[in-house]
Amino acid sequence: DYLAKPFDPRELLARVRALLRRQDKLRTQVASELRFCGWRLFPEQRRLLAPDGGELALSRGEFALLLALAERAGRVLGREQLLSLTRGEDSESVDRAVDLAISRLRRK
């Protein structure tokens, strides 16, 4: 969106609010199904469909990890961030738990 100078601050505020509303609508649409590399992830049903249409069974931890990564595609996430996203802030799991879960996901 573009606003020519001089502009009214109320006009700027109205446009920013409109952009935020549109962004919220997109977020809710994306949340029902996430797509990546031909795979389809359905968070509400806890389902993962392969590119060939077959369903892949994942453990609760594997699904939580894949969902955290898919929702934040393109961002770099550290082990601590992934642990807090998948197991909660109070988790006392070791760092390597994330590495192990990622290697299991890669094998599947």
PDB file of N, CA and C in Angstrom:
ATOM      1  N   ASP A   1       0.853  -1.173   0.000  1.00  0.00           N
ATOM      2  CA  ASP A   1       0.000   0.000   0.000  1.00  0.00           C
ATOM      3  C   ASP A   1       0.902   1.239   0.000  1.00  0.00           C
ATOM      4  N   TYR A   2       0.418   2.303  -0.614  1.00  0.00           N
ATOM      5  CA  TYR A   2       1.204   3.521  -0.728  1.00  0.00           C
ATOM      6  C   TYR A   2       0.350   4.696  -0.285  1.00  0.00           C
ATOM      7  N   LEU A   3       0.975   5.628   0.421  1.00  0.00           N
ATOM      8  CA  LEU A   3       0.302   6.824   0.902  1.00  0.00           C
ATOM      9  C   LEU A   3       1.158   8.025   0.518  1.00  0.00           C
ATOM     10  N   ALA A   4       0.591   8.956  -0.257  1.00  0.00           N
ATOM     11  CA  ALA A   4       1.345  10.128  -0.714  1.00  0.00           C
ATOM     12  C   ALA A   4       1.386  11.189   0.385  1.00  0.00           C
ATOM     13  N   LYS A   5       2.500  11.912   0.440  1.00  0.00           N
ATOM     14  CA  LYS A   5       2.636  13.020   1.388  1.00  0.00           C
ATOM     15  C   LYS A   5       1.935  14.240   0.835  1.00  0.00           C
ATOM     16  N   PRO A   6       1.444  15.106   1.610  1.00  0.00           N
ATOM     17  CA  PRO A   6       1.175  14.970   3.038  1.00  0.00           C
ATOM     18  C   PRO A   6      -0.028  14.043   3.256  1.00  0.00           C
ATOM     19  N   PHE A   7      -0.003  13.313   4.352  1.00  0.00           N
ATOM     20  CA  PHE A   7      -1.118  12.411   4.638  1.00  0.00           C
ATOM     21  C   PHE A   7      -1.646  12.673   6.039  1.00  0.00           C
ATOM     22  N   ASP A   8      -2.886  12.314   6.215  1.00  0.00           N
ATOM     23  CA  ASP A   8      -3.550  12.467   7.504  1.00  0.00           C
ATOM     24  C   ASP A   8      -3.195  11.247   8.365  1.00  0.00           C
ATOM     25  N   PRO A   9      -2.757  11.440   9.603  1.00  0.00           N
ATOM     26  CA  PRO A   9      -2.421  10.298  10.464  1.00  0.00           C
ATOM     27  C   PRO A   9      -3.583   9.313  10.641  1.00  0.00           C
ATOM     28  N   ARG A  10      -4.810   9.822  10.593  1.00  0.00           N
ATOM     29  CA  ARG A  10      -5.972   8.921  10.714  1.00  0.00           C
ATOM     30  C   ARG A  10      -6.072   8.005   9.506  1.00  0.00           C
ATOM     31  N   GLU A  11      -5.715   8.520   8.324  1.00  0.00           N
ATOM     32  CA  GLU A  11      -5.714   7.702   7.110  1.00  0.00           C
ATOM     33  C   GLU A  11      -4.657   6.598   7.222  1.00  0.00           C
ATOM     34  N   LEU A  12      -3.480   6.962   7.722  1.00  0.00           N
ATOM     35  CA  LEU A  12      -2.420   5.974   7.921  1.00  0.00           C
ATOM     36  C   LEU A  12      -2.873   4.886   8.893  1.00  0.00           C
ATOM     37  N   LEU A  13      -3.468   5.285   9.990  1.00  0.00           N
ATOM     38  CA  LEU A  13      -3.947   4.331  10.985  1.00  0.00           C
ATOM     39  C   LEU A  13      -5.011   3.404  10.397  1.00  0.00           C
ATOM     40  N   ALA A  14      -5.922   3.956   9.619  1.00  0.00           N
ATOM     41  CA  ALA A  14      -6.972   3.143   8.992  1.00  0.00           C
ATOM     42  C   ALA A  14      -6.374   2.118   8.034  1.00  0.00           C
ATOM     43  N   ARG A  15      -5.375   2.520   7.279  1.00  0.00           N
ATOM     44  CA  ARG A  15      -4.745   1.588   6.330  1.00  0.00           C
ATOM     45  C   ARG A  15      -3.966   0.487   7.043  1.00  0.00           C
ATOM     46  N   VAL A  16      -3.275   0.852   8.119  1.00  0.00           N
ATOM     47  CA  VAL A  16      -2.535  -0.151   8.890  1.00  0.00           C
ATOM     48  C   VAL A  16      -3.502  -1.163   9.494  1.00  0.00           C
ATOM     49  N   ARG A  17      -4.606  -0.686  10.038  1.00  0.00           N
ATOM     50  CA  ARG A  17      -5.603  -1.604  10.612  1.00  0.00           C
ATOM     51  C   ARG A  17      -6.181  -2.532   9.548  1.00  0.00           C
ATOM     52  N   ALA A  18      -6.428  -2.002   8.356  1.00  0.00           N
ATOM     53  CA  ALA A  18      -6.952  -2.828   7.265  1.00  0.00           C
ATOM     54  C   ALA A  18      -5.946  -3.910   6.875  1.00  0.00           C
ATOM     55  N   LEU A  19      -4.669  -3.543   6.812  1.00  0.00           N
ATOM     56  CA  LEU A  19      -3.629  -4.532   6.501  1.00  0.00           C
ATOM     57  C   LEU A  19      -3.554  -5.619   7.568  1.00  0.00           C
ATOM     58  N   LEU A  20      -3.652  -5.225   8.826  1.00  0.00           N
ATOM     59  CA  LEU A  20      -3.607  -6.203   9.913  1.00  0.00           C
ATOM     60  C   LEU A  20      -4.810  -7.144   9.865  1.00  0.00           C
ATOM     61  N   ARG A  21      -5.985  -6.615   9.522  1.00  0.00           N
ATOM     62  CA  ARG A  21      -7.175  -7.473   9.390  1.00  0.00           C
ATOM     63  C   ARG A  21      -6.978  -8.502   8.288  1.00  0.00           C
ATOM     64  N   ARG A  22      -6.440  -8.060   7.155  1.00  0.00           N
ATOM     65  CA  ARG A  22      -6.204  -8.989   6.038  1.00  0.00           C
ATOM     66  C   ARG A  22      -5.184 -10.051   6.422  1.00  0.00           C
ATOM     67  N   GLN A  23      -4.168  -9.645   7.157  1.00  0.00           N
ATOM     68  CA  GLN A  23      -3.142 -10.595   7.586  1.00  0.00           C
ATOM     69  C   GLN A  23      -3.736 -11.636   8.541  1.00  0.00           C
ATOM     70  N   ASP A  24      -4.608 -11.219   9.445  1.00  0.00           N
ATOM     71  CA  ASP A  24      -5.252 -12.159  10.366  1.00  0.00           C
ATOM     72  C   ASP A  24      -6.113 -13.164   9.618  1.00  0.00           C
ATOM     73  N   LYS A  25      -6.811 -12.711   8.579  1.00  0.00           N
ATOM     74  CA  LYS A  25      -7.633 -13.622   7.780  1.00  0.00           C
ATOM     75  C   LYS A  25      -6.761 -14.663   7.097  1.00  0.00           C
ATOM     76  N   LEU A  26      -5.620 -14.248   6.564  1.00  0.00           N
ATOM     77  CA  LEU A  26      -4.703 -15.188   5.918  1.00  0.00           C
ATOM     78  C   LEU A  26      -4.152 -16.194   6.914  1.00  0.00           C
ATOM     79  N   ARG A  27      -3.851 -15.743   8.118  1.00  0.00           N
ATOM     80  CA  ARG A  27      -3.314 -16.640   9.135  1.00  0.00           C
ATOM     81  C   ARG A  27      -4.300 -17.741   9.484  1.00  0.00           C
ATOM     82  N   THR A  28      -5.589 -17.400   9.621  1.00  0.00           N
ATOM     83  CA  THR A  28      -6.575 -18.414   9.972  1.00  0.00           C
ATOM     84  C   THR A  28      -6.786 -19.390   8.826  1.00  0.00           C
ATOM     85  N   GLN A  29      -6.658 -18.931   7.582  1.00  0.00           N
ATOM     86  CA  GLN A  29      -6.790 -19.833   6.448  1.00  0.00           C
ATOM     87  C   GLN A  29      -5.609 -20.793   6.387  1.00  0.00           C
ATOM     88  N   VAL A  30      -4.431 -20.311   6.644  1.00  0.00           N
ATOM     89  CA  VAL A  30      -3.231 -21.138   6.573  1.00  0.00           C
ATOM     90  C   VAL A  30      -3.222 -22.168   7.695  1.00  0.00           C
ATOM     91  N   ALA A  31      -3.764 -21.823   8.847  1.00  0.00           N
ATOM     92  CA  ALA A  31      -3.707 -22.709   9.999  1.00  0.00           C
ATOM     93  C   ALA A  31      -4.459 -24.018   9.781  1.00  0.00           C
ATOM     94  N   SER A  32      -5.467 -24.054   8.919  1.00  0.00           N
ATOM     95  CA  SER A  32      -6.230 -25.282   8.724  1.00  0.00           C
ATOM     96  C   SER A  32      -5.473 -26.298   7.884  1.00  0.00           C
ATOM     97  N   GLU A  33      -4.564 -25.853   7.026  1.00  0.00           N
ATOM     98  CA  GLU A  33      -3.758 -26.759   6.208  1.00  0.00           C
ATOM     99  C   GLU A  33      -2.443 -26.083   5.852  1.00  0.00           C
ATOM    100  N   LEU A  34      -1.356 -26.779   6.091  1.00  0.00           N
ATOM    101  CA  LEU A  34      -0.031 -26.274   5.737  1.00  0.00           C
ATOM    102  C   LEU A  34       0.538 -27.163   4.644  1.00  0.00           C
ATOM    103  N   ARG A  35       1.101 -26.543   3.606  1.00  0.00           N
ATOM    104  CA  ARG A  35       1.670 -27.298   2.488  1.00  0.00           C
ATOM    105  C   ARG A  35       3.152 -26.990   2.356  1.00  0.00           C
ATOM    106  N   PHE A  36       3.929 -28.041   2.079  1.00  0.00           N
ATOM    107  CA  PHE A  36       5.355 -27.867   1.835  1.00  0.00           C
ATOM    108  C   PHE A  36       5.870 -29.061   1.043  1.00  0.00           C
ATOM    109  N   CYS A  37       6.556 -28.778  -0.048  1.00  0.00           N
ATOM    110  CA  CYS A  37       7.199 -29.806  -0.894  1.00  0.00           C
ATOM    111  C   CYS A  37       6.246 -30.938  -1.273  1.00  0.00           C
ATOM    112  N   GLY A  38       4.999 -30.621  -1.528  1.00  0.00           N
ATOM    113  CA  GLY A  38       4.028 -31.640  -1.900  1.00  0.00           C
ATOM    114  C   GLY A  38       3.331 -32.297  -0.717  1.00  0.00           C
ATOM    115  N   TRP A  39       3.845 -32.108   0.480  1.00  0.00           N
ATOM    116  CA  TRP A  39       3.241 -32.666   1.692  1.00  0.00           C
ATOM    117  C   TRP A  39       2.119 -31.751   2.162  1.00  0.00           C
ATOM    118  N   ARG A  40       1.122 -32.324   2.814  1.00  0.00           N
ATOM    119  CA  ARG A  40       0.008 -31.543   3.372  1.00  0.00           C
ATOM    120  C   ARG A  40      -0.156 -31.907   4.841  1.00  0.00           C
ATOM    121  N   LEU A  41      -0.118 -30.882   5.690  1.00  0.00           N
ATOM    122  CA  LEU A  41      -0.211 -31.065   7.133  1.00  0.00           C
ATOM    123  C   LEU A  41      -1.511 -30.438   7.618  1.00  0.00           C
ATOM    124  N   PHE A  42      -2.320 -31.224   8.329  1.00  0.00           N
ATOM    125  CA  PHE A  42      -3.601 -30.768   8.862  1.00  0.00           C
ATOM    126  C   PHE A  42      -3.507 -30.738  10.390  1.00  0.00           C
ATOM    127  N   PRO A  43      -3.220 -29.578  10.973  1.00  0.00           N
ATOM    128  CA  PRO A  43      -3.018 -29.495  12.424  1.00  0.00           C
ATOM    129  C   PRO A  43      -4.227 -29.914  13.252  1.00  0.00           C
ATOM    130  N   GLU A  44      -5.420 -29.549  12.822  1.00  0.00           N
ATOM    131  CA  GLU A  44      -6.606 -29.851  13.620  1.00  0.00           C
ATOM    132  C   GLU A  44      -6.879 -31.348  13.697  1.00  0.00           C
ATOM    133  N   GLN A  45      -6.633 -32.062  12.611  1.00  0.00           N
ATOM    134  CA  GLN A  45      -6.873 -33.510  12.593  1.00  0.00           C
ATOM    135  C   GLN A  45      -5.619 -34.312  12.936  1.00  0.00           C
ATOM    136  N   ARG A  46      -4.494 -33.637  13.113  1.00  0.00           N
ATOM    137  CA  ARG A  46      -3.200 -34.283  13.348  1.00  0.00           C
ATOM    138  C   ARG A  46      -2.898 -35.304  12.263  1.00  0.00           C
ATOM    139  N   ARG A  47      -3.019 -34.875  11.009  1.00  0.00           N
ATOM    140  CA  ARG A  47      -2.775 -35.750   9.865  1.00  0.00           C
ATOM    141  C   ARG A  47      -1.681 -35.169   8.992  1.00  0.00           C
ATOM    142  N   LEU A  48      -0.895 -36.063   8.397  1.00  0.00           N
ATOM    143  CA  LEU A  48       0.136 -35.681   7.444  1.00  0.00           C
ATOM    144  C   LEU A  48      -0.043 -36.541   6.207  1.00  0.00           C
ATOM    145  N   LEU A  49      -0.261 -35.885   5.064  1.00  0.00           N
ATOM    146  CA  LEU A  49      -0.424 -36.602   3.805  1.00  0.00           C
ATOM    147  C   LEU A  49       0.825 -36.421   2.958  1.00  0.00           C
ATOM    148  N   ALA A  50       1.321 -37.535   2.446  1.00  0.00           N
ATOM    149  CA  ALA A  50       2.496 -37.538   1.576  1.00  0.00           C
ATOM    150  C   ALA A  50       2.114 -37.015   0.198  1.00  0.00           C
ATOM    151  N   PRO A  51       3.092 -36.652  -0.620  1.00  0.00           N
ATOM    152  CA  PRO A  51       2.785 -36.169  -1.973  1.00  0.00           C
ATOM    153  C   PRO A  51       1.994 -37.177  -2.810  1.00  0.00           C
ATOM    154  N   ASP A  52       2.165 -38.481  -2.530  1.00  0.00           N
ATOM    155  CA  ASP A  52       1.410 -39.494  -3.275  1.00  0.00           C
ATOM    156  C   ASP A  52       0.006 -39.710  -2.719  1.00  0.00           C
ATOM    157  N   GLY A  53      -0.359 -38.998  -1.639  1.00  0.00           N
ATOM    158  CA  GLY A  53      -1.695 -39.092  -1.064  1.00  0.00           C
ATOM    159  C   GLY A  53      -1.793 -40.020   0.130  1.00  0.00           C
ATOM    160  N   GLY A  54      -0.742 -40.771   0.408  1.00  0.00           N
ATOM    161  CA  GLY A  54      -0.754 -41.677   1.557  1.00  0.00           C
ATOM    162  C   GLY A  54      -0.596 -40.920   2.859  1.00  0.00           C
ATOM    163  N   GLU A  55      -1.194 -41.480   3.899  1.00  0.00           N
ATOM    164  CA  GLU A  55      -1.116 -40.840   5.212  1.00  0.00           C
ATOM    165  C   GLU A  55       0.052 -41.427   5.995  1.00  0.00           C
ATOM    166  N   LEU A  56       0.799 -40.556   6.662  1.00  0.00           N
ATOM    167  CA  LEU A  56       1.964 -40.980   7.426  1.00  0.00           C
ATOM    168  C   LEU A  56       1.653 -40.853   8.911  1.00  0.00           C
ATOM    169  N   ALA A  57       1.913 -41.914   9.665  1.00  0.00           N
ATOM    170  CA  ALA A  57       1.669 -41.901  11.110  1.00  0.00           C
ATOM    171  C   ALA A  57       2.862 -41.273  11.822  1.00  0.00           C
ATOM    172  N   LEU A  58       2.577 -40.300  12.673  1.00  0.00           N
ATOM    173  CA  LEU A  58       3.620 -39.627  13.450  1.00  0.00           C
ATOM    174  C   LEU A  58       3.275 -39.707  14.927  1.00  0.00           C
ATOM    175  N   SER A  59       4.306 -39.776  15.762  1.00  0.00           N
ATOM    176  CA  SER A  59       4.076 -39.710  17.202  1.00  0.00           C
ATOM    177  C   SER A  59       3.662 -38.278  17.561  1.00  0.00           C
ATOM    178  N   ARG A  60       3.195 -38.110  18.776  1.00  0.00           N
ATOM    179  CA  ARG A  60       2.769 -36.779  19.229  1.00  0.00           C
ATOM    180  C   ARG A  60       3.928 -35.784  19.160  1.00  0.00           C
ATOM    181  N   GLY A  61       5.101 -36.199  19.592  1.00  0.00           N
ATOM    182  CA  GLY A  61       6.275 -35.325  19.572  1.00  0.00           C
ATOM    183  C   GLY A  61       6.738 -34.993  18.167  1.00  0.00           C
ATOM    184  N   GLU A  62       6.729 -35.995  17.281  1.00  0.00           N
ATOM    185  CA  GLU A  62       7.126 -35.765  15.893  1.00  0.00           C
ATOM    186  C   GLU A  62       6.168 -34.796  15.213  1.00  0.00           C
ATOM    187  N   PHE A  63       4.872 -34.981  15.478  1.00  0.00           N
ATOM    188  CA  PHE A  63       3.886 -34.090  14.870  1.00  0.00           C
ATOM    189  C   PHE A  63       4.059 -32.662  15.385  1.00  0.00           C
ATOM    190  N   ALA A  64       4.271 -32.512  16.687  1.00  0.00           N
ATOM    191  CA  ALA A  64       4.456 -31.173  17.271  1.00  0.00           C
ATOM    192  C   ALA A  64       5.685 -30.489  16.681  1.00  0.00           C
ATOM    193  N   LEU A  65       6.750 -31.246  16.489  1.00  0.00           N
ATOM    194  CA  LEU A  65       7.973 -30.688  15.910  1.00  0.00           C
ATOM    195  C   LEU A  65       7.758 -30.273  14.460  1.00  0.00           C
ATOM    196  N   LEU A  66       7.132 -31.141  13.681  1.00  0.00           N
ATOM    197  CA  LEU A  66       6.867 -30.825  12.278  1.00  0.00           C
ATOM    198  C   LEU A  66       5.949 -29.614  12.156  1.00  0.00           C
ATOM    199  N   LEU A  67       4.944 -29.530  13.007  1.00  0.00           N
ATOM    200  CA  LEU A  67       4.031 -28.389  12.992  1.00  0.00           C
ATOM    201  C   LEU A  67       4.773 -27.099  13.341  1.00  0.00           C
ATOM    202  N   ALA A  68       5.624 -27.140  14.352  1.00  0.00           N
ATOM    203  CA  ALA A  68       6.398 -25.949  14.738  1.00  0.00           C
ATOM    204  C   ALA A  68       7.284 -25.484  13.595  1.00  0.00           C
ATOM    205  N   LEU A  69       7.916 -26.426  12.905  1.00  0.00           N
ATOM    206  CA  LEU A  69       8.782 -26.067  11.778  1.00  0.00           C
ATOM    207  C   LEU A  69       7.972 -25.546  10.594  1.00  0.00           C
ATOM    208  N   ALA A  70       6.846 -26.185  10.295  1.00  0.00           N
ATOM    209  CA  ALA A  70       6.027 -25.784   9.145  1.00  0.00           C
ATOM    210  C   ALA A  70       5.397 -24.412   9.356  1.00  0.00           C
ATOM    211  N   GLU A  71       4.977 -24.121  10.578  1.00  0.00           N
ATOM    212  CA  GLU A  71       4.365 -22.818  10.861  1.00  0.00           C
ATOM    213  C   GLU A  71       5.381 -21.684  10.802  1.00  0.00           C
ATOM    214  N   ARG A  72       6.642 -22.012  10.962  1.00  0.00           N
ATOM    215  CA  ARG A  72       7.695 -20.993  10.954  1.00  0.00           C
ATOM    216  C   ARG A  72       8.666 -21.222   9.806  1.00  0.00           C
ATOM    217  N   ALA A  73       8.136 -21.618   8.684  1.00  0.00           N
ATOM    218  CA  ALA A  73       8.962 -21.920   7.504  1.00  0.00           C
ATOM    219  C   ALA A  73       9.809 -20.709   7.128  1.00  0.00           C
ATOM    220  N   GLY A  74      11.059 -20.962   6.792  1.00  0.00           N
ATOM    221  CA  GLY A  74      11.954 -19.889   6.382  1.00  0.00           C
ATOM    222  C   GLY A  74      12.680 -19.215   7.530  1.00  0.00           C
ATOM    223  N   ARG A  75      12.344 -19.584   8.762  1.00  0.00           N
ATOM    224  CA  ARG A  75      13.009 -18.990   9.923  1.00  0.00           C
ATOM    225  C   ARG A  75      13.964 -19.997  10.542  1.00  0.00           C
ATOM    226  N   VAL A  76      15.025 -19.497  11.112  1.00  0.00           N
ATOM    227  CA  VAL A  76      15.982 -20.348  11.811  1.00  0.00           C
ATOM    228  C   VAL A  76      15.512 -20.489  13.258  1.00  0.00           C
ATOM    229  N   LEU A  77      15.365 -21.727  13.705  1.00  0.00           N
ATOM    230  CA  LEU A  77      14.932 -21.997  15.073  1.00  0.00           C
ATOM    231  C   LEU A  77      16.005 -22.808  15.786  1.00  0.00           C
ATOM    232  N   GLY A  78      16.363 -22.379  16.971  1.00  0.00           N
ATOM    233  CA  GLY A  78      17.355 -23.102  17.764  1.00  0.00           C
ATOM    234  C   GLY A  78      16.725 -24.257  18.516  1.00  0.00           C
ATOM    235  N   ARG A  79      17.565 -25.091  19.101  1.00  0.00           N
ATOM    236  CA  ARG A  79      17.066 -26.246  19.855  1.00  0.00           C
ATOM    237  C   ARG A  79      16.167 -25.811  21.007  1.00  0.00           C
ATOM    238  N   GLU A  80      16.589 -24.785  21.729  1.00  0.00           N
ATOM    239  CA  GLU A  80      15.799 -24.322  22.873  1.00  0.00           C
ATOM    240  C   GLU A  80      14.427 -23.837  22.435  1.00  0.00           C
ATOM    241  N   GLN A  81      14.374 -23.114  21.327  1.00  0.00           N
ATOM    242  CA  GLN A  81      13.087 -22.645  20.808  1.00  0.00           C
ATOM    243  C   GLN A  81      12.202 -23.827  20.444  1.00  0.00           C
ATOM    244  N   LEU A  82      12.769 -24.799  19.756  1.00  0.00           N
ATOM    245  CA  LEU A  82      11.992 -25.970  19.356  1.00  0.00           C
ATOM    246  C   LEU A  82      11.509 -26.759  20.568  1.00  0.00           C
ATOM    247  N   LEU A  83      12.345 -26.874  21.580  1.00  0.00           N
ATOM    248  CA  LEU A  83      11.920 -27.564  22.802  1.00  0.00           C
ATOM    249  C   LEU A  83      10.756 -26.842  23.461  1.00  0.00           C
ATOM    250  N   SER A  84      10.843 -25.522  23.563  1.00  0.00           N
ATOM    251  CA  SER A  84       9.756 -24.782  24.212  1.00  0.00           C
ATOM    252  C   SER A  84       8.484 -24.809  23.375  1.00  0.00           C
ATOM    253  N   LEU A  85       8.617 -24.827  22.043  1.00  0.00           N
ATOM    254  CA  LEU A  85       7.435 -24.879  21.183  1.00  0.00           C
ATOM    255  C   LEU A  85       6.762 -26.246  21.202  1.00  0.00           C
ATOM    256  N   THR A  86       7.538 -27.302  21.350  1.00  0.00           N
ATOM    257  CA  THR A  86       6.972 -28.645  21.263  1.00  0.00           C
ATOM    258  C   THR A  86       6.665 -29.273  22.612  1.00  0.00           C
ATOM    259  N   ARG A  87       7.416 -28.898  23.630  1.00  0.00           N
ATOM    260  CA  ARG A  87       7.230 -29.553  24.929  1.00  0.00           C
ATOM    261  C   ARG A  87       6.894 -28.589  26.053  1.00  0.00           C
ATOM    262  N   GLY A  88       6.812 -27.312  25.749  1.00  0.00           N
ATOM    263  CA  GLY A  88       6.455 -26.329  26.759  1.00  0.00           C
ATOM    264  C   GLY A  88       7.674 -25.694  27.400  1.00  0.00           C
ATOM    265  N   GLU A  89       7.443 -24.571  28.027  1.00  0.00           N
ATOM    266  CA  GLU A  89       8.519 -23.797  28.652  1.00  0.00           C
ATOM    267  C   GLU A  89       9.175 -24.551  29.803  1.00  0.00           C
ATOM    268  N   ASP A  90       8.408 -25.367  30.519  1.00  0.00           N
ATOM    269  CA  ASP A  90       8.921 -26.027  31.718  1.00  0.00           C
ATOM    270  C   ASP A  90       9.649 -27.331  31.423  1.00  0.00           C
ATOM    271  N   SER A  91       9.790 -27.660  30.175  1.00  0.00           N
ATOM    272  CA  SER A  91      10.390 -28.938  29.808  1.00  0.00           C
ATOM    273  C   SER A  91      11.836 -29.025  30.276  1.00  0.00           C
ATOM    274  N   GLU A  92      12.174 -30.184  30.830  1.00  0.00           N
ATOM    275  CA  GLU A  92      13.550 -30.408  31.260  1.00  0.00           C
ATOM    276  C   GLU A  92      14.248 -31.376  30.317  1.00  0.00           C
ATOM    277  N   SER A  93      13.762 -31.484  29.101  1.00  0.00           N
ATOM    278  CA  SER A  93      14.375 -32.366  28.112  1.00  0.00           C
ATOM    279  C   SER A  93      15.744 -31.829  27.722  1.00  0.00           C
ATOM    280  N   VAL A  94      16.587 -32.726  27.288  1.00  0.00           N
ATOM    281  CA  VAL A  94      17.923 -32.324  26.854  1.00  0.00           C
ATOM    282  C   VAL A  94      17.878 -31.854  25.408  1.00  0.00           C
ATOM    283  N   ASP A  95      18.899 -31.091  25.024  1.00  0.00           N
ATOM    284  CA  ASP A  95      18.980 -30.542  23.671  1.00  0.00           C
ATOM    285  C   ASP A  95      18.882 -31.616  22.603  1.00  0.00           C
ATOM    286  N   ARG A  96      19.514 -32.737  22.844  1.00  0.00           N
ATOM    287  CA  ARG A  96      19.589 -33.791  21.827  1.00  0.00           C
ATOM    288  C   ARG A  96      18.241 -34.441  21.549  1.00  0.00           C
ATOM    289  N   ALA A  97      17.243 -34.199  22.377  1.00  0.00           N
ATOM    290  CA  ALA A  97      15.906 -34.739  22.118  1.00  0.00           C
ATOM    291  C   ALA A  97      15.370 -34.184  20.803  1.00  0.00           C
ATOM    292  N   VAL A  98      15.663 -32.927  20.529  1.00  0.00           N
ATOM    293  CA  VAL A  98      15.231 -32.309  19.271  1.00  0.00           C
ATOM    294  C   VAL A  98      15.964 -32.957  18.104  1.00  0.00           C
ATOM    295  N   ASP A  99      17.263 -33.171  18.250  1.00  0.00           N
ATOM    296  CA  ASP A  99      18.040 -33.818  17.188  1.00  0.00           C
ATOM    297  C   ASP A  99      17.495 -35.205  16.880  1.00  0.00           C
ATOM    298  N   LEU A 100      17.161 -35.941  17.919  1.00  0.00           N
ATOM    299  CA  LEU A 100      16.633 -37.290  17.756  1.00  0.00           C
ATOM    300  C   LEU A 100      15.288 -37.265  17.031  1.00  0.00           C
ATOM    301  N   ALA A 101      14.411 -36.343  17.432  1.00  0.00           N
ATOM    302  CA  ALA A 101      13.097 -36.236  16.781  1.00  0.00           C
ATOM    303  C   ALA A 101      13.245 -35.839  15.313  1.00  0.00           C
ATOM    304  N   ILE A 102      14.166 -34.953  15.016  1.00  0.00           N
ATOM    305  CA  ILE A 102      14.391 -34.541  13.624  1.00  0.00           C
ATOM    306  C   ILE A 102      14.915 -35.713  12.806  1.00  0.00           C
ATOM    307  N   SER A 103      15.820 -36.503  13.369  1.00  0.00           N
ATOM    308  CA  SER A 103      16.336 -37.652  12.613  1.00  0.00           C
ATOM    309  C   SER A 103      15.238 -38.686  12.372  1.00  0.00           C
ATOM    310  N   ARG A 104      14.328 -38.874  13.335  1.00  0.00           N
ATOM    311  CA  ARG A 104      13.200 -39.798  13.124  1.00  0.00           C
ATOM    312  C   ARG A 104      12.279 -39.289  12.028  1.00  0.00           C
ATOM    313  N   LEU A 105      12.036 -37.980  12.010  1.00  0.00           N
ATOM    314  CA  LEU A 105      11.196 -37.398  10.953  1.00  0.00           C
ATOM    315  C   LEU A 105      11.836 -37.588   9.585  1.00  0.00           C
ATOM    316  N   ARG A 106      13.125 -37.381   9.506  1.00  0.00           N
ATOM    317  CA  ARG A 106      13.822 -37.537   8.222  1.00  0.00           C
ATOM    318  C   ARG A 106      13.743 -38.970   7.717  1.00  0.00           C
ATOM    319  N   ARG A 107      13.834 -39.942   8.629  1.00  0.00           N
ATOM    320  CA  ARG A 107      13.748 -41.349   8.220  1.00  0.00           C
ATOM    321  C   ARG A 107      12.373 -41.694   7.669  1.00  0.00           C
ATOM    322  N   LYS A 108      11.336 -41.114   8.260  1.00  0.00           N
ATOM    323  CA  LYS A 108       9.972 -41.404   7.811  1.00  0.00           C
ATOM    324  C   LYS A 108       9.732 -40.761   6.470  1.00  0.00           C
TER     325      LYS A 108
END
